[in-house]
Protein backbone atom coordinates (compact mmCIF):
# COMPACT_ATOMS: atom_id res chain seq x y z
CA MET A 1 -24.06 28.89 -42.31
CA GLU A 2 -23.23 29.14 -46.13
CA ALA A 3 -25.44 32.06 -46.97
CA ALA A 4 -27.28 34.69 -45.26
CA THR A 5 -29.42 37.53 -47.11
CA VAL A 6 -31.32 40.49 -45.69
CA TRP A 7 -33.37 41.67 -47.85
CA ARG A 8 -35.73 44.80 -46.20
CA VAL A 9 -34.90 47.15 -43.77
CA THR A 10 -37.61 49.47 -42.53
CA VAL A 11 -37.94 51.83 -40.09
CA TYR A 12 -41.09 52.71 -37.78
CA ASP A 13 -41.31 56.04 -35.38
CA ASN A 14 -43.77 56.10 -33.20
CA PRO A 15 -46.23 53.41 -35.21
CA GLN A 16 -50.34 53.37 -34.67
CA GLY A 17 -50.74 50.47 -32.45
CA ALA A 18 -46.91 50.10 -30.57
CA PRO A 19 -46.81 49.32 -26.75
CA THR A 20 -44.31 52.21 -26.49
CA PRO A 21 -43.74 54.92 -28.86
CA GLY A 22 -40.55 55.37 -30.24
CA THR A 23 -38.36 54.02 -33.15
CA TYR A 24 -38.85 50.20 -34.16
CA ILE A 25 -36.56 48.95 -36.87
CA ALA A 26 -37.16 45.56 -38.52
CA ALA A 27 -34.44 43.70 -40.68
CA ASP A 28 -36.32 40.31 -42.69
CA TYR A 29 -34.02 37.95 -43.75
CA GLU A 30 -33.31 34.39 -45.54
CA ILE A 31 -30.73 31.93 -44.35
CA GLU A 32 -29.73 28.82 -45.86
CA TYR A 33 -27.83 26.16 -44.19
CA GLU A 34 -26.04 22.32 -45.73
CA SER A 35 -28.88 20.96 -43.55
CA ILE A 36 -31.37 23.44 -43.04
CA ALA A 37 -32.46 24.58 -47.04
CA LEU A 38 -34.33 27.53 -45.87
CA GLN A 39 -34.44 29.43 -43.10
CA CYS A 40 -36.28 33.01 -43.13
CA GLY A 41 -37.90 35.45 -40.63
CA TYR A 42 -37.41 39.15 -39.14
CA LEU A 43 -36.18 40.52 -36.38
CA MET A 44 -37.44 43.65 -34.56
CA TRP A 45 -35.31 46.29 -32.54
CA PHE A 46 -36.52 49.06 -30.35
CA GLU A 47 -34.59 52.03 -29.72
CA LEU A 48 -33.16 53.02 -26.50
CA PRO A 49 -31.98 55.99 -24.55
CA LYS A 50 -28.00 57.10 -26.10
CA GLN A 51 -28.96 54.93 -29.68
CA ARG A 52 -29.09 51.76 -27.86
CA TYR A 53 -31.09 48.64 -28.85
CA VAL A 54 -33.04 45.87 -28.10
CA VAL A 55 -34.78 43.20 -29.77
CA LEU A 56 -38.44 43.08 -29.00
CA ARG A 57 -39.37 40.15 -31.53
CA GLU A 58 -38.21 37.44 -33.71
CA GLU A 59 -39.71 35.35 -36.11
CA SER A 60 -38.23 32.81 -37.94
CA GLY A 61 -39.51 29.53 -40.26
CA ILE A 62 -37.31 26.52 -41.18
CA LEU A 63 -37.57 23.93 -43.68
CA PRO A 64 -34.84 21.12 -43.73
CA ALA A 65 -33.40 20.36 -46.85
CA GLU A 66 -35.38 17.07 -47.53
CA ILE A 67 -38.82 18.98 -47.30
CA VAL A 68 -37.00 21.45 -49.83
CA GLU A 69 -36.60 18.56 -51.98
CA ARG A 70 -39.78 17.67 -52.41
CA ILE A 71 -41.85 20.53 -53.34
CA PRO A 72 -42.09 21.42 -56.89
CA GLU A 73 -40.29 24.47 -58.20
CA ASP A 74 -42.84 26.13 -59.03
CA GLN A 75 -44.83 25.80 -55.50
CA LEU A 76 -41.89 27.49 -53.73
CA PRO A 77 -42.80 30.53 -53.78
CA GLU A 78 -46.16 29.65 -52.05
CA VAL A 79 -44.42 27.83 -49.76
CA LYS A 80 -42.19 30.83 -48.74
CA ILE A 81 -45.05 32.80 -48.54
CA GLN A 82 -46.89 30.72 -45.82
CA LEU A 83 -42.79 30.56 -44.03
CA GLY A 84 -43.48 34.35 -43.75
CA CYS A 85 -40.47 34.96 -46.39
CA ALA A 86 -42.59 36.56 -49.12
CA ARG A 87 -40.43 39.75 -50.05
């Protein structure tokens, strides 16, 4: 891994529509590797008793370097949004 950035952490207490009442935490991230120019997504945890957490969901989008190199730089922000990497 060459670079990793967590750019947002959000805490939800008893969110509407959640399957179980409680505290949920989501972390949005981006990771860069040598062969993968862009990986982004989020992890969501649920708080169990005694401040233990379990990962409930992970979503990730990946773009290899050879694809990113062919995307015009002014279009890269839109591609990131489509992958779920919007900030």
